[in-house]
Amino acid sequence: MVQDAKLPVHGFVLAGGKSSRMGEDKALLQFCGRPLVEIAVEKLRGFCAEVWIAGNREDLAGFAPVVQETRVNVGPAAGVEAGLGAARQDWVLFVPVDVPLVPMEVLRRWCEEALRVGMSVSYLGMGGKQPAFCLLQGERLGAFSRALDGGERRLEMLLNRTAEAGGYASWMYDEDELYGGGEGAAPDQETVERWFKNVNTPEDLAEAEAWARAGGVVGR
């Protein structure tokens, strides 16, 4: 596959969180001089056919089209459901807005591998389980909504039940799956953990910025 080619994936940035621990809105928070939402959108545009934002945030429409959530108090699952319902591609990718260090190349590599094997539902397990980094076939919307209707709110369990409803298992990709084929060296564990650490507090922000300015990966 040509690396610069866009994948048949509709990418969504999950930006519906309350940012309670940060004390101010995280989507527009400046990270190395740029809003977090702008960084996330740019990464997805590097390989996704379309990129939108999931969350009831019309103030973010200047960065990408915004799809409105219809459920409340269900966490990131509301954004996943809204994105699945609005997607214009066969595959739908979700990434949280508050993880600025994850490289675009990691996300692209994961999506290429998941599409290659036809995985119905997958998520990342690099740096610990990361179900908010999830990739689903758009046709899984009905199963996902039914799992939500049943009262489940934990995103990992929702993904598992969505896959099982179609007779499949969800798949968690980690470093071994993405770097075990000899295409590039696997990152060390400390680097992976930094890539996938959420910026939840001012202290987290300062630490992540210091690492990025010292040479850590922020963009591609």
C-alpha atoms as a PDB file:
ATOM      1  CA  MET A   1       0.000   0.000   0.000  1.00  0.00           C
ATOM      2  CA  VAL A   2       1.338   3.445  -0.877  1.00  0.00           C
ATOM      3  CA  GLN A   3       2.103   5.157   2.415  1.00  0.00           C
ATOM      4  CA  ASP A   4       0.783   8.579   1.361  1.00  0.00           C
ATOM      5  CA  ALA A   5      -2.512   7.166   0.037  1.00  0.00           C
ATOM      6  CA  LYS A   6      -5.620   7.895   2.084  1.00  0.00           C
ATOM      7  CA  LEU A   7      -7.307   4.888   3.652  1.00  0.00           C
ATOM      8  CA  PRO A   8     -11.091   4.263   3.353  1.00  0.00           C
ATOM      9  CA  VAL A   9     -11.455   5.405   6.941  1.00  0.00           C
ATOM     10  CA  HIS A  10     -13.539   8.205   8.457  1.00  0.00           C
ATOM     11  CA  GLY A  11     -11.520   9.511  11.391  1.00  0.00           C
ATOM     12  CA  PHE A  12     -13.140  11.162  14.409  1.00  0.00           C
ATOM     13  CA  VAL A  13     -11.491  13.089  17.213  1.00  0.00           C
ATOM     14  CA  LEU A  14     -13.333  12.421  20.491  1.00  0.00           C
ATOM     15  CA  ALA A  15     -13.746  15.856  22.087  1.00  0.00           C
ATOM     16  CA  GLY A  16     -16.789  15.485  24.302  1.00  0.00           C
ATOM     17  CA  GLY A  17     -15.052  15.153  27.689  1.00  0.00           C
ATOM     18  CA  LYS A  18     -15.686  17.505  30.611  1.00  0.00           C
ATOM     19  CA  SER A  19     -11.982  18.266  31.285  1.00  0.00           C
ATOM     20  CA  SER A  20     -12.758  18.416  35.027  1.00  0.00           C
ATOM     21  CA  ARG A  21      -9.243  17.544  36.213  1.00  0.00           C
ATOM     22  CA  MET A  22      -7.605  20.032  33.862  1.00  0.00           C
ATOM     23  CA  GLY A  23      -9.756  22.919  35.072  1.00  0.00           C
ATOM     24  CA  GLU A  24     -10.255  24.252  31.529  1.00  0.00           C
ATOM     25  CA  ASP A  25     -11.327  22.930  28.168  1.00  0.00           C
ATOM     26  CA  LYS A  26      -8.787  20.441  26.838  1.00  0.00           C
ATOM     27  CA  ALA A  27      -9.739  20.525  23.170  1.00  0.00           C
ATOM     28  CA  LEU A  28      -8.559  24.133  22.820  1.00  0.00           C
ATOM     29  CA  LEU A  29      -5.703  23.814  25.275  1.00  0.00           C
ATOM     30  CA  GLN A  30      -2.395  24.937  23.810  1.00  0.00           C
ATOM     31  CA  PHE A  31       0.235  22.229  23.427  1.00  0.00           C
ATOM     32  CA  CYS A  32       3.581  23.420  22.108  1.00  0.00           C
ATOM     33  CA  GLY A  33       1.781  26.463  20.738  1.00  0.00           C
ATOM     34  CA  ARG A  34      -1.130  24.671  19.047  1.00  0.00           C
ATOM     35  CA  PRO A  35      -4.607  23.570  20.215  1.00  0.00           C
ATOM     36  CA  LEU A  36      -4.833  19.881  21.073  1.00  0.00           C
ATOM     37  CA  VAL A  37      -7.770  19.441  18.698  1.00  0.00           C
ATOM     38  CA  GLU A  38      -5.770  20.879  15.802  1.00  0.00           C
ATOM     39  CA  ILE A  39      -2.927  18.430  16.434  1.00  0.00           C
ATOM     40  CA  ALA A  40      -5.301  15.449  16.514  1.00  0.00           C
ATOM     41  CA  VAL A  41      -7.177  16.507  13.380  1.00  0.00           C
ATOM     42  CA  GLU A  42      -3.945  17.035  11.450  1.00  0.00           C
ATOM     43  CA  LYS A  43      -2.684  13.552  12.287  1.00  0.00           C
ATOM     44  CA  LEU A  44      -5.881  11.899  11.078  1.00  0.00           C
ATOM     45  CA  ARG A  45      -5.881  13.949   7.890  1.00  0.00           C
ATOM     46  CA  GLY A  46      -2.519  12.440   7.087  1.00  0.00           C
ATOM     47  CA  PHE A  47      -4.095   9.076   6.227  1.00  0.00           C
ATOM     48  CA  CYS A  48      -7.911   9.157   6.655  1.00  0.00           C
ATOM     49  CA  ALA A  49     -10.213   9.877   3.709  1.00  0.00           C
ATOM     50  CA  GLU A  50     -12.355  12.117   5.934  1.00  0.00           C
ATOM     51  CA  VAL A  51     -11.849  13.646   9.378  1.00  0.00           C
ATOM     52  CA  TRP A  52     -14.502  15.038  11.714  1.00  0.00           C
ATOM     53  CA  ILE A  53     -14.878  15.816  15.424  1.00  0.00           C
ATOM     54  CA  ALA A  54     -17.334  13.999  17.721  1.00  0.00           C
ATOM     55  CA  GLY A  55     -18.774  16.087  20.544  1.00  0.00           C
ATOM     56  CA  ASN A  56     -21.396  18.771  21.092  1.00  0.00           C
ATOM     57  CA  ARG A  57     -18.873  21.470  20.324  1.00  0.00           C
ATOM     58  CA  GLU A  58     -19.833  23.866  17.541  1.00  0.00           C
ATOM     59  CA  ASP A  59     -16.921  26.077  18.623  1.00  0.00           C
ATOM     60  CA  LEU A  60     -14.594  23.441  17.146  1.00  0.00           C
ATOM     61  CA  ALA A  61     -16.144  23.566  13.671  1.00  0.00           C
ATOM     62  CA  GLY A  62     -13.272  25.704  12.424  1.00  0.00           C
ATOM     63  CA  PHE A  63     -10.958  22.714  12.768  1.00  0.00           C
ATOM     64  CA  ALA A  64     -13.199  20.053  11.165  1.00  0.00           C
ATOM     65  CA  PRO A  65     -16.924  19.255  10.783  1.00  0.00           C
ATOM     66  CA  VAL A  66     -18.555  18.407  14.111  1.00  0.00           C
ATOM     67  CA  VAL A  67     -21.042  15.585  14.663  1.00  0.00           C
ATOM     68  CA  GLN A  68     -23.394  15.981  17.616  1.00  0.00           C
ATOM     69  CA  GLU A  69     -23.728  13.350  20.333  1.00  0.00           C
ATOM     70  CA  THR A  70     -27.245  12.316  21.337  1.00  0.00           C
ATOM     71  CA  ARG A  71     -26.559  10.491  24.616  1.00  0.00           C
ATOM     72  CA  VAL A  72     -25.407  12.058  27.864  1.00  0.00           C
ATOM     73  CA  ASN A  73     -23.381  10.653  30.752  1.00  0.00           C
ATOM     74  CA  VAL A  74     -22.056   7.674  28.823  1.00  0.00           C
ATOM     75  CA  GLY A  75     -18.483   8.905  28.361  1.00  0.00           C
ATOM     76  CA  PRO A  76     -16.630   8.482  25.053  1.00  0.00           C
ATOM     77  CA  ALA A  77     -19.183   5.913  23.903  1.00  0.00           C
ATOM     78  CA  ALA A  78     -21.497   8.806  22.981  1.00  0.00           C
ATOM     79  CA  GLY A  79     -18.931  10.087  20.508  1.00  0.00           C
ATOM     80  CA  VAL A  80     -18.306   6.623  19.083  1.00  0.00           C
ATOM     81  CA  GLU A  81     -22.013   6.075  18.492  1.00  0.00           C
ATOM     82  CA  ALA A  82     -22.425   9.507  16.904  1.00  0.00           C
ATOM     83  CA  GLY A  83     -19.426   8.963  14.649  1.00  0.00           C
ATOM     84  CA  LEU A  84     -20.603   5.538  13.516  1.00  0.00           C
ATOM     85  CA  GLY A  85     -23.961   7.049  12.609  1.00  0.00           C
ATOM     86  CA  ALA A  86     -22.449   9.904  10.594  1.00  0.00           C
ATOM     87  CA  ALA A  87     -19.524   8.099   8.943  1.00  0.00           C
ATOM     88  CA  ARG A  88     -19.110   8.305   5.175  1.00  0.00           C
ATOM     89  CA  GLN A  89     -16.513   5.547   4.897  1.00  0.00           C
ATOM     90  CA  ASP A  90     -16.698   1.794   5.491  1.00  0.00           C
ATOM     91  CA  TRP A  91     -14.312   2.013   8.446  1.00  0.00           C
ATOM     92  CA  VAL A  92     -14.536   4.448  11.350  1.00  0.00           C
ATOM     93  CA  LEU A  93     -11.607   5.449  13.539  1.00  0.00           C
ATOM     94  CA  PHE A  94     -11.739   7.217  16.902  1.00  0.00           C
ATOM     95  CA  VAL A  95      -8.919   8.898  18.814  1.00  0.00           C
ATOM     96  CA  PRO A  96      -9.134  11.009  21.992  1.00  0.00           C
ATOM     97  CA  VAL A  97      -8.256  14.679  21.762  1.00  0.00           C
ATOM     98  CA  ASP A  98      -5.968  14.659  24.796  1.00  0.00           C
ATOM     99  CA  VAL A  99      -3.175  12.312  23.664  1.00  0.00           C
ATOM    100  CA  PRO A 100      -0.937  14.675  21.647  1.00  0.00           C
ATOM    101  CA  LEU A 101       2.254  12.612  21.607  1.00  0.00           C
ATOM    102  CA  VAL A 102       1.034   9.570  19.688  1.00  0.00           C
ATOM    103  CA  PRO A 103       2.665   9.598  16.234  1.00  0.00           C
ATOM    104  CA  MET A 104       0.533   9.577  13.113  1.00  0.00           C
ATOM    105  CA  GLU A 105       2.643   6.691  11.791  1.00  0.00           C
ATOM    106  CA  VAL A 106       1.488   4.432  14.641  1.00  0.00           C
ATOM    107  CA  LEU A 107      -2.161   5.155  13.887  1.00  0.00           C
ATOM    108  CA  ARG A 108      -1.699   4.641  10.158  1.00  0.00           C
ATOM    109  CA  ARG A 109       0.182   1.376  10.686  1.00  0.00           C
ATOM    110  CA  TRP A 110      -2.578   0.063  12.961  1.00  0.00           C
ATOM    111  CA  CYS A 111      -5.356   0.971  10.516  1.00  0.00           C
ATOM    112  CA  GLU A 112      -3.538  -0.576   7.579  1.00  0.00           C
ATOM    113  CA  GLU A 113      -3.061  -3.821   9.467  1.00  0.00           C
ATOM    114  CA  ALA A 114      -6.653  -3.962  10.737  1.00  0.00           C
ATOM    115  CA  LEU A 115      -8.033  -3.310   7.250  1.00  0.00           C
ATOM    116  CA  ARG A 116      -5.688  -5.884   5.735  1.00  0.00           C
ATOM    117  CA  VAL A 117      -7.043  -8.676   7.928  1.00  0.00           C
ATOM    118  CA  GLY A 118     -10.612  -7.334   7.869  1.00  0.00           C
ATOM    119  CA  MET A 119     -10.883  -6.907  11.637  1.00  0.00           C
ATOM    120  CA  SER A 120     -14.461  -5.870  12.464  1.00  0.00           C
ATOM    121  CA  VAL A 121     -13.634  -4.168  15.771  1.00  0.00           C
ATOM    122  CA  SER A 122     -10.177  -3.353  17.098  1.00  0.00           C
ATOM    123  CA  TYR A 123      -8.457  -1.068  19.559  1.00  0.00           C
ATOM    124  CA  LEU A 124      -4.942  -0.302  20.711  1.00  0.00           C
ATOM    125  CA  GLY A 125      -3.161  -1.893  23.636  1.00  0.00           C
ATOM    126  CA  MET A 126       0.094  -0.002  23.370  1.00  0.00           C
ATOM    127  CA  GLY A 127       1.112   1.544  26.683  1.00  0.00           C
ATOM    128  CA  GLY A 128      -1.767  -0.290  28.388  1.00  0.00           C
ATOM    129  CA  LYS A 129      -5.293  -0.898  27.109  1.00  0.00           C
ATOM    130  CA  GLN A 130      -6.502   2.088  25.070  1.00  0.00           C
ATOM    131  CA  PRO A 131     -10.089   1.364  23.962  1.00  0.00           C
ATOM    132  CA  ALA A 132     -10.680   5.054  23.131  1.00  0.00           C
ATOM    133  CA  PHE A 133      -8.321   4.396  20.190  1.00  0.00           C
ATOM    134  CA  CYS A 134     -10.784   2.170  18.347  1.00  0.00           C
ATOM    135  CA  LEU A 135     -11.530   1.206  14.763  1.00  0.00           C
ATOM    136  CA  LEU A 136     -14.856  -0.299  13.714  1.00  0.00           C
ATOM    137  CA  GLN A 137     -16.666  -1.188  10.542  1.00  0.00           C
ATOM    138  CA  GLY A 138     -19.482   1.325  10.086  1.00  0.00           C
ATOM    139  CA  GLU A 139     -22.035  -1.478   9.866  1.00  0.00           C
ATOM    140  CA  ARG A 140     -21.427  -2.260  13.544  1.00  0.00           C
ATOM    141  CA  LEU A 141     -23.481   0.799  14.630  1.00  0.00           C
ATOM    142  CA  GLY A 142     -26.616  -1.221  15.440  1.00  0.00           C
ATOM    143  CA  ALA A 143     -24.776  -3.666  17.671  1.00  0.00           C
ATOM    144  CA  PHE A 144     -22.923  -0.851  19.442  1.00  0.00           C
ATOM    145  CA  SER A 145     -26.155   1.058  20.114  1.00  0.00           C
ATOM    146  CA  ARG A 146     -27.885  -2.059  21.423  1.00  0.00           C
ATOM    147  CA  ALA A 147     -25.032  -2.652  23.863  1.00  0.00           C
ATOM    148  CA  LEU A 148     -25.441   0.929  25.085  1.00  0.00           C
ATOM    149  CA  ASP A 149     -29.202   0.455  25.371  1.00  0.00           C
ATOM    150  CA  GLY A 150     -28.479  -2.556  27.573  1.00  0.00           C
ATOM    151  CA  GLY A 151     -26.779  -0.325  30.136  1.00  0.00           C
ATOM    152  CA  GLU A 152     -23.098  -1.010  29.397  1.00  0.00           C
ATOM    153  CA  ARG A 153     -20.892   2.097  29.603  1.00  0.00           C
ATOM    154  CA  ARG A 154     -17.329   0.725  29.667  1.00  0.00           C
ATOM    155  CA  LEU A 155     -15.893   1.258  26.225  1.00  0.00           C
ATOM    156  CA  GLU A 156     -13.818  -1.926  26.150  1.00  0.00           C
ATOM    157  CA  MET A 157     -16.862  -4.040  27.028  1.00  0.00           C
ATOM    158  CA  LEU A 158     -18.965  -2.189  24.453  1.00  0.00           C
ATOM    159  CA  LEU A 159     -16.410  -2.979  21.763  1.00  0.00           C
ATOM    160  CA  ASN A 160     -16.272  -6.628  22.819  1.00  0.00           C
ATOM    161  CA  ARG A 161     -20.052  -6.984  22.741  1.00  0.00           C
ATOM    162  CA  THR A 162     -20.274  -5.182  19.403  1.00  0.00           C
ATOM    163  CA  ALA A 163     -17.834  -7.635  17.860  1.00  0.00           C
ATOM    164  CA  GLU A 164     -19.481 -10.667  19.458  1.00  0.00           C
ATOM    165  CA  ALA A 165     -22.883  -9.632  18.123  1.00  0.00           C
ATOM    166  CA  GLY A 166     -21.512 -10.156  14.621  1.00  0.00           C
ATOM    167  CA  GLY A 167     -19.936 -13.481  15.486  1.00  0.00           C
ATOM    168  CA  TYR A 168     -16.439 -12.048  15.821  1.00  0.00           C
ATOM    169  CA  ALA A 169     -13.972 -11.165  18.555  1.00  0.00           C
ATOM    170  CA  SER A 170     -12.535  -7.699  19.038  1.00  0.00           C
ATOM    171  CA  TRP A 171      -8.773  -7.485  18.632  1.00  0.00           C
ATOM    172  CA  MET A 172      -6.350  -5.449  20.727  1.00  0.00           C
ATOM    173  CA  TYR A 173      -3.261  -4.429  18.771  1.00  0.00           C
ATOM    174  CA  ASP A 174      -0.005  -3.862  20.647  1.00  0.00           C
ATOM    175  CA  GLU A 175       3.646  -3.305  19.789  1.00  0.00           C
ATOM    176  CA  ASP A 176       4.169  -6.919  18.725  1.00  0.00           C
ATOM    177  CA  GLU A 177       1.345  -6.838  16.175  1.00  0.00           C
ATOM    178  CA  LEU A 178       2.406  -3.500  14.696  1.00  0.00           C
ATOM    179  CA  TYR A 179       6.182  -3.840  14.796  1.00  0.00           C
ATOM    180  CA  GLY A 180       6.762  -7.581  14.806  1.00  0.00           C
ATOM    181  CA  GLY A 181       6.963  -7.957  11.039  1.00  0.00           C
ATOM    182  CA  GLY A 182      10.392  -6.408  10.644  1.00  0.00           C
ATOM    183  CA  GLU A 183       9.161  -3.054   9.237  1.00  0.00           C
ATOM    184  CA  GLY A 184      10.958  -0.663  11.544  1.00  0.00           C
ATOM    185  CA  ALA A 185      12.216  -1.116  15.076  1.00  0.00           C
ATOM    186  CA  ALA A 186       9.706  -1.364  17.910  1.00  0.00           C
ATOM    187  CA  PRO A 187       9.757   1.604  20.308  1.00  0.00           C
ATOM    188  CA  ASP A 188      10.904   1.079  23.883  1.00  0.00           C
ATOM    189  CA  GLN A 189       8.274   0.733  26.598  1.00  0.00           C
ATOM    190  CA  GLU A 190       8.863   4.184  28.112  1.00  0.00           C
ATOM    191  CA  THR A 191       8.328   5.835  24.749  1.00  0.00           C
ATOM    192  CA  VAL A 192       5.121   3.904  24.114  1.00  0.00           C
ATOM    193  CA  GLU A 193       3.758   4.831  27.537  1.00  0.00           C
ATOM    194  CA  ARG A 194       4.476   8.514  26.873  1.00  0.00           C
ATOM    195  CA  TRP A 195       2.837   8.330  23.447  1.00  0.00           C
ATOM    196  CA  PHE A 196      -0.426   7.087  24.932  1.00  0.00           C
ATOM    197  CA  LYS A 197      -0.606   9.059  28.155  1.00  0.00           C
ATOM    198  CA  ASN A 198      -3.678  11.290  28.419  1.00  0.00           C
ATOM    199  CA  VAL A 199      -3.056  14.922  29.280  1.00  0.00           C
ATOM    200  CA  ASN A 200      -5.520  15.213  32.174  1.00  0.00           C
ATOM    201  CA  THR A 201      -3.920  17.771  34.485  1.00  0.00           C
ATOM    202  CA  PRO A 202      -1.694  20.868  34.170  1.00  0.00           C
ATOM    203  CA  GLU A 203       1.152  18.709  35.466  1.00  0.00           C
ATOM    204  CA  ASP A 204       0.558  16.138  32.708  1.00  0.00           C
ATOM    205  CA  LEU A 205       0.585  18.945  30.145  1.00  0.00           C
ATOM    206  CA  ALA A 206       3.858  20.392  31.384  1.00  0.00           C
ATOM    207  CA  GLU A 207       5.520  16.973  31.448  1.00  0.00           C
ATOM    208  CA  ALA A 208       4.348  16.083  27.940  1.00  0.00           C
ATOM    209  CA  GLU A 209       5.451  19.428  26.524  1.00  0.00           C
ATOM    210  CA  ALA A 210       8.887  19.068  28.120  1.00  0.00           C
ATOM    211  CA  TRP A 211       9.300  15.629  26.558  1.00  0.00           C
ATOM    212  CA  ALA A 212       8.104  16.842  23.156  1.00  0.00           C
ATOM    213  CA  ARG A 213      10.452  19.832  23.153  1.00  0.00           C
ATOM    214  CA  ALA A 214      13.328  17.545  24.118  1.00  0.00           C
ATOM    215  CA  GLY A 215      12.835  15.525  20.968  1.00  0.00           C
ATOM    216  CA  GLY A 216       9.716  13.406  21.482  1.00  0.00           C
ATOM    217  CA  VAL A 217       7.339  12.839  18.565  1.00  0.00           C
ATOM    218  CA  VAL A 218       4.344  15.195  18.351  1.00  0.00           C
ATOM    219  CA  GLY A 219       3.423  15.161  14.655  1.00  0.00           C
ATOM    220  CA  ARG A 220       4.272  12.408  12.196  1.00  0.00           C
END
